[in-house]
Amino acid sequence: LVALLTADVTWAMPPNAAWFRGTDAVTTFL
């Protein structure tokens, strides 16, 4: 999945307030 993303990707999930930027943070979350 991360291979499909840009290096500075953002991932948000309203109504959760947390959001993630970059593949490292997104990988940890995933």
mmCIF file of all heavy atoms, coordinates in Angstrom:
data_MODEL
# 
_entry.id   MODEL 
# 
loop_
_atom_site.group_PDB 
_atom_site.id 
_atom_site.type_symbol 
_atom_site.label_atom_id 
_atom_site.label_alt_id 
_atom_site.label_comp_id 
_atom_site.label_asym_id 
_atom_site.label_entity_id 
_atom_site.label_seq_id 
_atom_site.pdbx_PDB_ins_code 
_atom_site.Cartn_x 
_atom_site.Cartn_y 
_atom_site.Cartn_z 
_atom_site.occupancy 
_atom_site.B_iso_or_equiv 
_atom_site.pdbx_formal_charge 
_atom_site.auth_seq_id 
_atom_site.auth_comp_id 
_atom_site.auth_asym_id 
_atom_site.auth_atom_id 
_atom_site.pdbx_PDB_model_num 
ATOM 1   N N   . LEU A 1 1  ? 0.829   -1.201 0.000  1.00 0.00 ? 1  LEU A N   1 
ATOM 2   C CA  . LEU A 1 1  ? 0.000   0.000  0.000  1.00 0.00 ? 1  LEU A CA  1 
ATOM 3   C C   . LEU A 1 1  ? 0.865   1.254  0.000  1.00 0.00 ? 1  LEU A C   1 
ATOM 4   O O   . LEU A 1 1  ? 0.616   2.196  -0.766 1.00 0.00 ? 1  LEU A O   1 
ATOM 5   C CB  . LEU A 1 1  ? -0.937  -0.009 1.205  1.00 0.00 ? 1  LEU A CB  1 
ATOM 6   C CG  . LEU A 1 1  ? -1.929  1.153  1.300  1.00 0.00 ? 1  LEU A CG  1 
ATOM 7   C CD1 . LEU A 1 1  ? -2.725  1.301  0.002  1.00 0.00 ? 1  LEU A CD1 1 
ATOM 8   C CD2 . LEU A 1 1  ? -2.874  0.976  2.464  1.00 0.00 ? 1  LEU A CD2 1 
ATOM 9   N N   . VAL A 1 2  ? 1.882   1.265  0.823  1.00 0.00 ? 2  VAL A N   1 
ATOM 10  C CA  . VAL A 1 2  ? 2.749   2.443  0.905  1.00 0.00 ? 2  VAL A CA  1 
ATOM 11  C C   . VAL A 1 2  ? 3.443   2.700  -0.427 1.00 0.00 ? 2  VAL A C   1 
ATOM 12  O O   . VAL A 1 2  ? 3.710   3.858  -0.786 1.00 0.00 ? 2  VAL A O   1 
ATOM 13  C CB  . VAL A 1 2  ? 3.759   2.275  2.060  1.00 0.00 ? 2  VAL A CB  1 
ATOM 14  C CG1 . VAL A 1 2  ? 4.849   3.342  1.987  1.00 0.00 ? 2  VAL A CG1 1 
ATOM 15  C CG2 . VAL A 1 2  ? 3.044   2.344  3.401  1.00 0.00 ? 2  VAL A CG2 1 
ATOM 16  N N   . ALA A 1 3  ? 3.697   1.647  -1.195 1.00 0.00 ? 3  ALA A N   1 
ATOM 17  C CA  . ALA A 1 3  ? 4.331   1.814  -2.506 1.00 0.00 ? 3  ALA A CA  1 
ATOM 18  C C   . ALA A 1 3  ? 3.465   2.623  -3.458 1.00 0.00 ? 3  ALA A C   1 
ATOM 19  O O   . ALA A 1 3  ? 3.969   3.170  -4.447 1.00 0.00 ? 3  ALA A O   1 
ATOM 20  C CB  . ALA A 1 3  ? 4.646   0.454  -3.114 1.00 0.00 ? 3  ALA A CB  1 
ATOM 21  N N   . LEU A 1 4  ? 2.159   2.711  -3.157 1.00 0.00 ? 4  LEU A N   1 
ATOM 22  C CA  . LEU A 1 4  ? 1.246   3.481  -4.008 1.00 0.00 ? 4  LEU A CA  1 
ATOM 23  C C   . LEU A 1 4  ? 1.184   4.949  -3.622 1.00 0.00 ? 4  LEU A C   1 
ATOM 24  O O   . LEU A 1 4  ? 0.566   5.747  -4.331 1.00 0.00 ? 4  LEU A O   1 
ATOM 25  C CB  . LEU A 1 4  ? -0.170  2.899  -3.906 1.00 0.00 ? 4  LEU A CB  1 
ATOM 26  C CG  . LEU A 1 4  ? -0.367  1.441  -4.334 1.00 0.00 ? 4  LEU A CG  1 
ATOM 27  C CD1 . LEU A 1 4  ? -1.777  0.994  -3.982 1.00 0.00 ? 4  LEU A CD1 1 
ATOM 28  C CD2 . LEU A 1 4  ? -0.109  1.273  -5.824 1.00 0.00 ? 4  LEU A CD2 1 
ATOM 29  N N   . LEU A 1 5  ? 1.798   5.315  -2.487 1.00 0.00 ? 5  LEU A N   1 
ATOM 30  C CA  . LEU A 1 5  ? 1.617   6.641  -1.909 1.00 0.00 ? 5  LEU A CA  1 
ATOM 31  C C   . LEU A 1 5  ? 2.784   7.566  -2.228 1.00 0.00 ? 5  LEU A C   1 
ATOM 32  O O   . LEU A 1 5  ? 3.921   7.116  -2.413 1.00 0.00 ? 5  LEU A O   1 
ATOM 33  C CB  . LEU A 1 5  ? 1.480   6.525  -0.381 1.00 0.00 ? 5  LEU A CB  1 
ATOM 34  C CG  . LEU A 1 5  ? 0.465   5.506  0.150  1.00 0.00 ? 5  LEU A CG  1 
ATOM 35  C CD1 . LEU A 1 5  ? 0.499   5.478  1.674  1.00 0.00 ? 5  LEU A CD1 1 
ATOM 36  C CD2 . LEU A 1 5  ? -0.935  5.810  -0.361 1.00 0.00 ? 5  LEU A CD2 1 
ATOM 37  N N   . THR A 1 6  ? 2.510   8.860  -2.247 1.00 0.00 ? 6  THR A N   1 
ATOM 38  C CA  . THR A 1 6  ? 3.592   9.837  -2.347 1.00 0.00 ? 6  THR A CA  1 
ATOM 39  C C   . THR A 1 6  ? 4.318   9.905  -1.011 1.00 0.00 ? 6  THR A C   1 
ATOM 40  O O   . THR A 1 6  ? 3.789   9.516  0.034  1.00 0.00 ? 6  THR A O   1 
ATOM 41  C CB  . THR A 1 6  ? 3.046   11.236 -2.693 1.00 0.00 ? 6  THR A CB  1 
ATOM 42  O OG1 . THR A 1 6  ? 2.157   11.654 -1.641 1.00 0.00 ? 6  THR A OG1 1 
ATOM 43  C CG2 . THR A 1 6  ? 2.301   11.226 -4.025 1.00 0.00 ? 6  THR A CG2 1 
ATOM 44  N N   . ALA A 1 7  ? 5.550   10.408 -1.017 1.00 0.00 ? 7  ALA A N   1 
ATOM 45  C CA  . ALA A 1 7  ? 6.344   10.466 0.207  1.00 0.00 ? 7  ALA A CA  1 
ATOM 46  C C   . ALA A 1 7  ? 5.699   11.347 1.268  1.00 0.00 ? 7  ALA A C   1 
ATOM 47  O O   . ALA A 1 7  ? 5.830   11.083 2.472  1.00 0.00 ? 7  ALA A O   1 
ATOM 48  C CB  . ALA A 1 7  ? 7.760   10.961 -0.105 1.00 0.00 ? 7  ALA A CB  1 
ATOM 49  N N   . ASP A 1 8  ? 5.002   12.396 0.840  1.00 0.00 ? 8  ASP A N   1 
ATOM 50  C CA  . ASP A 1 8  ? 4.381   13.318 1.795  1.00 0.00 ? 8  ASP A CA  1 
ATOM 51  C C   . ASP A 1 8  ? 2.868   13.118 1.878  1.00 0.00 ? 8  ASP A C   1 
ATOM 52  O O   . ASP A 1 8  ? 2.113   14.040 2.171  1.00 0.00 ? 8  ASP A O   1 
ATOM 53  C CB  . ASP A 1 8  ? 4.695   14.765 1.425  1.00 0.00 ? 8  ASP A CB  1 
ATOM 54  C CG  . ASP A 1 8  ? 4.174   15.137 0.039  1.00 0.00 ? 8  ASP A CG  1 
ATOM 55  O OD1 . ASP A 1 8  ? 3.767   14.222 -0.721 1.00 0.00 ? 8  ASP A OD1 1 
ATOM 56  O OD2 . ASP A 1 8  ? 4.175   16.336 -0.289 1.00 0.00 ? 8  ASP A OD2 1 
ATOM 57  N N   . VAL A 1 9  ? 2.395   11.905 1.641  1.00 0.00 ? 9  VAL A N   1 
ATOM 58  C CA  . VAL A 1 9  ? 0.968   11.588 1.674  1.00 0.00 ? 9  VAL A CA  1 
ATOM 59  C C   . VAL A 1 9  ? 0.338   12.039 2.995  1.00 0.00 ? 9  VAL A C   1 
ATOM 60  O O   . VAL A 1 9  ? 0.991   12.040 4.046  1.00 0.00 ? 9  VAL A O   1 
ATOM 61  C CB  . VAL A 1 9  ? 0.763   10.071 1.481  1.00 0.00 ? 9  VAL A CB  1 
ATOM 62  C CG1 . VAL A 1 9  ? 1.377   9.279  2.630  1.00 0.00 ? 9  VAL A CG1 1 
ATOM 63  C CG2 . VAL A 1 9  ? -0.705  9.724  1.289  1.00 0.00 ? 9  VAL A CG2 1 
ATOM 64  N N   . THR A 1 10 ? -0.925  12.420 2.931  1.00 0.00 ? 10 THR A N   1 
ATOM 65  C CA  . THR A 1 10 ? -1.692  12.682 4.155  1.00 0.00 ? 10 THR A CA  1 
ATOM 66  C C   . THR A 1 10 ? -2.828  11.666 4.232  1.00 0.00 ? 10 THR A C   1 
ATOM 67  O O   . THR A 1 10 ? -3.402  11.270 3.204  1.00 0.00 ? 10 THR A O   1 
ATOM 68  C CB  . THR A 1 10 ? -2.261  14.104 4.201  1.00 0.00 ? 10 THR A CB  1 
ATOM 69  O OG1 . THR A 1 10 ? -3.162  14.297 3.095  1.00 0.00 ? 10 THR A OG1 1 
ATOM 70  C CG2 . THR A 1 10 ? -1.138  15.134 4.149  1.00 0.00 ? 10 THR A CG2 1 
ATOM 71  N N   . TRP A 1 11 ? -3.147  11.279 5.473  1.00 0.00 ? 11 TRP A N   1 
ATOM 72  C CA  . TRP A 1 11 ? -4.209  10.296 5.712  1.00 0.00 ? 11 TRP A CA  1 
ATOM 73  C C   . TRP A 1 11 ? -5.035  10.812 6.879  1.00 0.00 ? 11 TRP A C   1 
ATOM 74  O O   . TRP A 1 11 ? -4.523  10.988 7.981  1.00 0.00 ? 11 TRP A O   1 
ATOM 75  C CB  . TRP A 1 11 ? -3.604  8.938  6.049  1.00 0.00 ? 11 TRP A CB  1 
ATOM 76  C CG  . TRP A 1 11 ? -4.565  7.776  5.996  1.00 0.00 ? 11 TRP A CG  1 
ATOM 77  C CD1 . TRP A 1 11 ? -5.684  7.614  6.740  1.00 0.00 ? 11 TRP A CD1 1 
ATOM 78  C CD2 . TRP A 1 11 ? -4.470  6.610  5.162  1.00 0.00 ? 11 TRP A CD2 1 
ATOM 79  N NE1 . TRP A 1 11 ? -6.312  6.426  6.442  1.00 0.00 ? 11 TRP A NE1 1 
ATOM 80  C CE2 . TRP A 1 11 ? -5.583  5.789  5.473  1.00 0.00 ? 11 TRP A CE2 1 
ATOM 81  C CE3 . TRP A 1 11 ? -3.553  6.192  4.197  1.00 0.00 ? 11 TRP A CE3 1 
ATOM 82  C CZ2 . TRP A 1 11 ? -5.794  4.563  4.846  1.00 0.00 ? 11 TRP A CZ2 1 
ATOM 83  C CZ3 . TRP A 1 11 ? -3.769  4.976  3.571  1.00 0.00 ? 11 TRP A CZ3 1 
ATOM 84  C CH2 . TRP A 1 11 ? -4.870  4.173  3.892  1.00 0.00 ? 11 TRP A CH2 1 
ATOM 85  N N   . ALA A 1 12 ? -6.309  11.061 6.639  1.00 0.00 ? 12 ALA A N   1 
ATOM 86  C CA  . ALA A 1 12 ? -7.209  11.572 7.675  1.00 0.00 ? 12 ALA A CA  1 
ATOM 87  C C   . ALA A 1 12 ? -8.452  10.707 7.736  1.00 0.00 ? 12 ALA A C   1 
ATOM 88  O O   . ALA A 1 12 ? -8.835  10.082 6.736  1.00 0.00 ? 12 ALA A O   1 
ATOM 89  C CB  . ALA A 1 12 ? -7.592  13.023 7.385  1.00 0.00 ? 12 ALA A CB  1 
ATOM 90  N N   . MET A 1 13 ? -9.099  10.686 8.915  1.00 0.00 ? 13 MET A N   1 
ATOM 91  C CA  . MET A 1 13 ? -10.241 9.792  9.135  1.00 0.00 ? 13 MET A CA  1 
ATOM 92  C C   . MET A 1 13 ? -11.328 10.462 9.965  1.00 0.00 ? 13 MET A C   1 
ATOM 93  O O   . MET A 1 13 ? -11.619 10.037 11.081 1.00 0.00 ? 13 MET A O   1 
ATOM 94  C CB  . MET A 1 13 ? -9.783  8.520  9.854  1.00 0.00 ? 13 MET A CB  1 
ATOM 95  C CG  . MET A 1 13 ? -8.729  7.732  9.120  1.00 0.00 ? 13 MET A CG  1 
ATOM 96  S SD  . MET A 1 13 ? -7.898  6.595  10.255 1.00 0.00 ? 13 MET A SD  1 
ATOM 97  C CE  . MET A 1 13 ? -7.100  7.765  11.362 1.00 0.00 ? 13 MET A CE  1 
ATOM 98  N N   . PRO A 1 14 ? -11.926 11.552 9.487  1.00 0.00 ? 14 PRO A N   1 
ATOM 99  C CA  . PRO A 1 14 ? -12.996 12.153 10.283 1.00 0.00 ? 14 PRO A CA  1 
ATOM 100 C C   . PRO A 1 14 ? -14.100 11.128 10.543 1.00 0.00 ? 14 PRO A C   1 
ATOM 101 O O   . PRO A 1 14 ? -14.424 10.348 9.648  1.00 0.00 ? 14 PRO A O   1 
ATOM 102 C CB  . PRO A 1 14 ? -13.486 13.295 9.380  1.00 0.00 ? 14 PRO A CB  1 
ATOM 103 C CG  . PRO A 1 14 ? -13.014 12.937 8.000  1.00 0.00 ? 14 PRO A CG  1 
ATOM 104 C CD  . PRO A 1 14 ? -11.754 12.156 8.167  1.00 0.00 ? 14 PRO A CD  1 
ATOM 105 N N   . PRO A 1 15 ? -14.634 11.054 11.794 1.00 0.00 ? 15 PRO A N   1 
ATOM 106 C CA  . PRO A 1 15 ? -14.553 12.022 12.880 1.00 0.00 ? 15 PRO A CA  1 
ATOM 107 C C   . PRO A 1 15 ? -13.395 11.847 13.859 1.00 0.00 ? 15 PRO A C   1 
ATOM 108 O O   . PRO A 1 15 ? -13.461 12.394 14.968 1.00 0.00 ? 15 PRO A O   1 
ATOM 109 C CB  . PRO A 1 15 ? -15.889 11.813 13.599 1.00 0.00 ? 15 PRO A CB  1 
ATOM 110 C CG  . PRO A 1 15 ? -16.138 10.352 13.457 1.00 0.00 ? 15 PRO A CG  1 
ATOM 111 C CD  . PRO A 1 15 ? -15.641 10.010 12.073 1.00 0.00 ? 15 PRO A CD  1 
ATOM 112 N N   . ASN A 1 16 ? -12.361 11.063 13.530 1.00 0.00 ? 16 ASN A N   1 
ATOM 113 C CA  . ASN A 1 16 ? -11.175 11.030 14.374 1.00 0.00 ? 16 ASN A CA  1 
ATOM 114 C C   . ASN A 1 16 ? -10.332 12.271 14.080 1.00 0.00 ? 16 ASN A C   1 
ATOM 115 O O   . ASN A 1 16 ? -10.140 12.633 12.914 1.00 0.00 ? 16 ASN A O   1 
ATOM 116 C CB  . ASN A 1 16 ? -10.352 9.772  14.114 1.00 0.00 ? 16 ASN A CB  1 
ATOM 117 C CG  . ASN A 1 16 ? -11.056 8.519  14.603 1.00 0.00 ? 16 ASN A CG  1 
ATOM 118 O OD1 . ASN A 1 16 ? -11.762 8.569  15.598 1.00 0.00 ? 16 ASN A OD1 1 
ATOM 119 N ND2 . ASN A 1 16 ? -10.879 7.421  13.905 1.00 0.00 ? 16 ASN A ND2 1 
ATOM 120 N N   . ALA A 1 17 ? -9.827  12.898 15.106 1.00 0.00 ? 17 ALA A N   1 
ATOM 121 C CA  . ALA A 1 17 ? -9.073  14.137 14.912 1.00 0.00 ? 17 ALA A CA  1 
ATOM 122 C C   . ALA A 1 17 ? -7.638  13.889 14.469 1.00 0.00 ? 17 ALA A C   1 
ATOM 123 O O   . ALA A 1 17 ? -7.020  14.761 13.867 1.00 0.00 ? 17 ALA A O   1 
ATOM 124 C CB  . ALA A 1 17 ? -9.081  14.961 16.193 1.00 0.00 ? 17 ALA A CB  1 
ATOM 125 N N   . ALA A 1 18 ? -7.085  12.703 14.760 1.00 0.00 ? 18 ALA A N   1 
ATOM 126 C CA  . ALA A 1 18 ? -5.704  12.414 14.377 1.00 0.00 ? 18 ALA A CA  1 
ATOM 127 C C   . ALA A 1 18 ? -5.600  12.294 12.854 1.00 0.00 ? 18 ALA A C   1 
ATOM 128 O O   . ALA A 1 18 ? -6.492  11.773 12.183 1.00 0.00 ? 18 ALA A O   1 
ATOM 129 C CB  . ALA A 1 18 ? -5.223  11.133 15.035 1.00 0.00 ? 18 ALA A CB  1 
ATOM 130 N N   . TRP A 1 19 ? -4.506  12.782 12.333 1.00 0.00 ? 19 TRP A N   1 
ATOM 131 C CA  . TRP A 1 19 ? -4.213  12.600 10.915 1.00 0.00 ? 19 TRP A CA  1 
ATOM 132 C C   . TRP A 1 19 ? -2.714  12.408 10.769 1.00 0.00 ? 19 TRP A C   1 
ATOM 133 O O   . TRP A 1 19 ? -1.940  12.733 11.684 1.00 0.00 ? 19 TRP A O   1 
ATOM 134 C CB  . TRP A 1 19 ? -4.718  13.778 10.078 1.00 0.00 ? 19 TRP A CB  1 
ATOM 135 C CG  . TRP A 1 19 ? -4.071  15.098 10.377 1.00 0.00 ? 19 TRP A CG  1 
ATOM 136 C CD1 . TRP A 1 19 ? -4.312  15.913 11.439 1.00 0.00 ? 19 TRP A CD1 1 
ATOM 137 C CD2 . TRP A 1 19 ? -3.051  15.750 9.598  1.00 0.00 ? 19 TRP A CD2 1 
ATOM 138 N NE1 . TRP A 1 19 ? -3.525  17.040 11.379 1.00 0.00 ? 19 TRP A NE1 1 
ATOM 139 C CE2 . TRP A 1 19 ? -2.744  16.971 10.263 1.00 0.00 ? 19 TRP A CE2 1 
ATOM 140 C CE3 . TRP A 1 19 ? -2.396  15.434 8.416  1.00 0.00 ? 19 TRP A CE3 1 
ATOM 141 C CZ2 . TRP A 1 19 ? -1.795  17.865 9.770  1.00 0.00 ? 19 TRP A CZ2 1 
ATOM 142 C CZ3 . TRP A 1 19 ? -1.467  16.320 7.925  1.00 0.00 ? 19 TRP A CZ3 1 
ATOM 143 C CH2 . TRP A 1 19 ? -1.164  17.527 8.598  1.00 0.00 ? 19 TRP A CH2 1 
ATOM 144 N N   . PHE A 1 20 ? -2.306  11.859 9.649  1.00 0.00 ? 20 PHE A N   1 
ATOM 145 C CA  . PHE A 1 20 ? -0.916  11.439 9.482  1.00 0.00 ? 20 PHE A CA  1 
ATOM 146 C C   . PHE A 1 20 ? -0.343  12.012 8.202  1.00 0.00 ? 20 PHE A C   1 
ATOM 147 O O   . PHE A 1 20 ? -1.043  12.124 7.188  1.00 0.00 ? 20 PHE A O   1 
ATOM 148 C CB  . PHE A 1 20 ? -0.833  9.913  9.461  1.00 0.00 ? 20 PHE A CB  1 
ATOM 149 C CG  . PHE A 1 20 ? -1.636  9.276  10.562 1.00 0.00 ? 20 PHE A CG  1 
ATOM 150 C CD1 . PHE A 1 20 ? -2.822  8.614  10.291 1.00 0.00 ? 20 PHE A CD1 1 
ATOM 151 C CD2 . PHE A 1 20 ? -1.233  9.382  11.882 1.00 0.00 ? 20 PHE A CD2 1 
ATOM 152 C CE1 . PHE A 1 20 ? -3.583  8.057  11.299 1.00 0.00 ? 20 PHE A CE1 1 
ATOM 153 C CE2 . PHE A 1 20 ? -1.983  8.832  12.905 1.00 0.00 ? 20 PHE A CE2 1 
ATOM 154 C CZ  . PHE A 1 20 ? -3.159  8.161  12.614 1.00 0.00 ? 20 PHE A CZ  1 
ATOM 155 N N   . ARG A 1 21 ? 0.928   12.360 8.266  1.00 0.00 ? 21 ARG A N   1 
ATOM 156 C CA  . ARG A 1 21 ? 1.625   12.866 7.082  1.00 0.00 ? 21 ARG A CA  1 
ATOM 157 C C   . ARG A 1 21 ? 2.924   12.073 6.882  1.00 0.00 ? 21 ARG A C   1 
ATOM 158 O O   . ARG A 1 21 ? 3.695   11.879 7.829  1.00 0.00 ? 21 ARG A O   1 
ATOM 159 C CB  . ARG A 1 21 ? 1.969   14.350 7.227  1.00 0.00 ? 21 ARG A CB  1 
ATOM 160 C CG  . ARG A 1 21 ? 2.665   14.919 5.968  1.00 0.00 ? 21 ARG A CG  1 
ATOM 161 C CD  . ARG A 1 21 ? 3.158   16.342 6.182  1.00 0.00 ? 21 ARG A CD  1 
ATOM 162 N NE  . ARG A 1 21 ? 2.068   17.271 6.377  1.00 0.00 ? 21 ARG A NE  1 
ATOM 163 C CZ  . ARG A 1 21 ? 1.358   17.803 5.381  1.00 0.00 ? 21 ARG A CZ  1 
ATOM 164 N NH1 . ARG A 1 21 ? 1.601   17.472 4.127  1.00 0.00 ? 21 ARG A NH1 1 
ATOM 165 N NH2 . ARG A 1 21 ? 0.387   18.666 5.658  1.00 0.00 ? 21 ARG A NH2 1 
ATOM 166 N N   . GLY A 1 22 ? 3.146   11.642 5.658  1.00 0.00 ? 22 GLY A N   1 
ATOM 167 C CA  . GLY A 1 22 ? 4.373   10.927 5.323  1.00 0.00 ? 22 GLY A CA  1 
ATOM 168 C C   . GLY A 1 22 ? 4.220   9.426  5.470  1.00 0.00 ? 22 GLY A C   1 
ATOM 169 O O   . GLY A 1 22 ? 3.405   8.926  6.248  1.00 0.00 ? 22 GLY A O   1 
ATOM 170 N N   . THR A 1 23 ? 5.014   8.683  4.713  1.00 0.00 ? 23 THR A N   1 
ATOM 171 C CA  . THR A 1 23 ? 4.845   7.228  4.663  1.00 0.00 ? 23 THR A CA  1 
ATOM 172 C C   . THR A 1 23 ? 5.224   6.545  5.972  1.00 0.00 ? 23 THR A C   1 
ATOM 173 O O   . THR A 1 23 ? 4.663   5.497  6.295  1.00 0.00 ? 23 THR A O   1 
ATOM 174 C CB  . THR A 1 23 ? 5.671   6.649  3.506  1.00 0.00 ? 23 THR A CB  1 
ATOM 175 O OG1 . THR A 1 23 ? 7.025   7.108  3.597  1.00 0.00 ? 23 THR A OG1 1 
ATOM 176 C CG2 . THR A 1 23 ? 5.090   7.059  2.154  1.00 0.00 ? 23 THR A CG2 1 
ATOM 177 N N   . ASP A 1 24 ? 6.161   7.106  6.744  1.00 0.00 ? 24 ASP A N   1 
ATOM 178 C CA  . ASP A 1 24 ? 6.522   6.463  8.007  1.00 0.00 ? 24 ASP A CA  1 
ATOM 179 C C   . ASP A 1 24 ? 5.340   6.460  8.967  1.00 0.00 ? 24 ASP A C   1 
ATOM 180 O O   . ASP A 1 24 ? 4.994   5.426  9.557  1.00 0.00 ? 24 ASP A O   1 
ATOM 181 C CB  . ASP A 1 24 ? 7.725   7.177  8.651  1.00 0.00 ? 24 ASP A CB  1 
ATOM 182 C CG  . ASP A 1 24 ? 9.027   6.908  7.923  1.00 0.00 ? 24 ASP A CG  1 
ATOM 183 O OD1 . ASP A 1 24 ? 9.062   5.966  7.096  1.00 0.00 ? 24 ASP A OD1 1 
ATOM 184 O OD2 . ASP A 1 24 ? 10.004  7.650  8.158  1.00 0.00 ? 24 ASP A OD2 1 
ATOM 185 N N   . ALA A 1 25 ? 4.708   7.634  9.156  1.00 0.00 ? 25 ALA A N   1 
ATOM 186 C CA  . ALA A 1 25 ? 3.568   7.718  10.070 1.00 0.00 ? 25 ALA A CA  1 
ATOM 187 C C   . ALA A 1 25 ? 2.397   6.896  9.556  1.00 0.00 ? 25 ALA A C   1 
ATOM 188 O O   . ALA A 1 25 ? 1.711   6.208  10.333 1.00 0.00 ? 25 ALA A O   1 
ATOM 189 C CB  . ALA A 1 25 ? 3.156   9.175  10.253 1.00 0.00 ? 25 ALA A CB  1 
ATOM 190 N N   . VAL A 1 26 ? 2.156   6.928  8.246  1.00 0.00 ? 26 VAL A N   1 
ATOM 191 C CA  . VAL A 1 26 ? 1.048   6.166  7.679  1.00 0.00 ? 26 VAL A CA  1 
ATOM 192 C C   . VAL A 1 26 ? 1.301   4.668  7.832  1.00 0.00 ? 26 VAL A C   1 
ATOM 193 O O   . VAL A 1 26 ? 0.385   3.897  8.159  1.00 0.00 ? 26 VAL A O   1 
ATOM 194 C CB  . VAL A 1 26 ? 0.824   6.550  6.204  1.00 0.00 ? 26 VAL A CB  1 
ATOM 195 C CG1 . VAL A 1 26 ? -0.119  5.567  5.517  1.00 0.00 ? 26 VAL A CG1 1 
ATOM 196 C CG2 . VAL A 1 26 ? 0.258   7.960  6.112  1.00 0.00 ? 26 VAL A CG2 1 
ATOM 197 N N   . THR A 1 27 ? 2.542   4.213  7.635  1.00 0.00 ? 27 THR A N   1 
ATOM 198 C CA  . THR A 1 27 ? 2.864   2.794  7.801  1.00 0.00 ? 27 THR A CA  1 
ATOM 199 C C   . THR A 1 27 ? 2.607   2.339  9.230  1.00 0.00 ? 27 THR A C   1 
ATOM 200 O O   . THR A 1 27 ? 2.027   1.271  9.475  1.00 0.00 ? 27 THR A O   1 
ATOM 201 C CB  . THR A 1 27 ? 4.326   2.529  7.417  1.00 0.00 ? 27 THR A CB  1 
ATOM 202 O OG1 . THR A 1 27 ? 4.537   2.885  6.048  1.00 0.00 ? 27 THR A OG1 1 
ATOM 203 C CG2 . THR A 1 27 ? 4.676   1.064  7.596  1.00 0.00 ? 27 THR A CG2 1 
ATOM 204 N N   . THR A 1 28 ? 3.042   3.144  10.195 1.00 0.00 ? 28 THR A N   1 
ATOM 205 C CA  . THR A 1 28 ? 2.803   2.812  11.597 1.00 0.00 ? 28 THR A CA  1 
ATOM 206 C C   . THR A 1 28 ? 1.314   2.689  11.880 1.00 0.00 ? 28 THR A C   1 
ATOM 207 O O   . THR A 1 28 ? 0.857   1.736  12.532 1.00 0.00 ? 28 THR A O   1 
ATOM 208 C CB  . THR A 1 28 ? 3.417   3.884  12.509 1.00 0.00 ? 28 THR A CB  1 
ATOM 209 O OG1 . THR A 1 28 ? 4.825   3.941  12.284 1.00 0.00 ? 28 THR A OG1 1 
ATOM 210 C CG2 . THR A 1 28 ? 3.154   3.590  13.978 1.00 0.00 ? 28 THR A CG2 1 
ATOM 211 N N   . PHE A 1 29 ? 0.542   3.635  11.384 1.00 0.00 ? 29 PHE A N   1 
ATOM 212 C CA  . PHE A 1 29 ? -0.902  3.602  11.577 1.00 0.00 ? 29 PHE A CA  1 
ATOM 213 C C   . PHE A 1 29 ? -1.523  2.382  10.901 1.00 0.00 ? 29 PHE A C   1 
ATOM 214 O O   . PHE A 1 29 ? -2.363  1.686  11.503 1.00 0.00 ? 29 PHE A O   1 
ATOM 215 C CB  . PHE A 1 29 ? -1.515  4.885  11.022 1.00 0.00 ? 29 PHE A CB  1 
ATOM 216 C CG  . PHE A 1 29 ? -2.964  4.763  10.664 1.00 0.00 ? 29 PHE A CG  1 
ATOM 217 C CD1 . PHE A 1 29 ? -3.928  4.614  11.644 1.00 0.00 ? 29 PHE A CD1 1 
ATOM 218 C CD2 . PHE A 1 29 ? -3.365  4.778  9.328  1.00 0.00 ? 29 PHE A CD2 1 
ATOM 219 C CE1 . PHE A 1 29 ? -5.278  4.483  11.308 1.00 0.00 ? 29 PHE A CE1 1 
ATOM 220 C CE2 . PHE A 1 29 ? -4.702  4.647  8.989  1.00 0.00 ? 29 PHE A CE2 1 
ATOM 221 C CZ  . PHE A 1 29 ? -5.657  4.497  9.980  1.00 0.00 ? 29 PHE A CZ  1 
ATOM 222 N N   . LEU A 1 30 ? -1.143  2.101  9.665  1.00 0.00 ? 30 LEU A N   1 
ATOM 223 C CA  . LEU A 1 30 ? -1.734  0.985  8.932  1.00 0.00 ? 30 LEU A CA  1 
ATOM 224 C C   . LEU A 1 30 ? -1.492  -0.344 9.632  1.00 0.00 ? 30 LEU A C   1 
ATOM 225 O O   . LEU A 1 30 ? -2.400  -1.175 9.762  1.00 0.00 ? 30 LEU A O   1 
ATOM 226 C CB  . LEU A 1 30 ? -1.164  0.927  7.517  1.00 0.00 ? 30 LEU A CB  1 
ATOM 227 C CG  . LEU A 1 30 ? -1.595  2.028  6.543  1.00 0.00 ? 30 LEU A CG  1 
ATOM 228 C CD1 . LEU A 1 30 ? -0.796  1.945  5.250  1.00 0.00 ? 30 LEU A CD1 1 
ATOM 229 C CD2 . LEU A 1 30 ? -3.095  1.931  6.241  1.00 0.00 ? 30 LEU A CD2 1 
# 
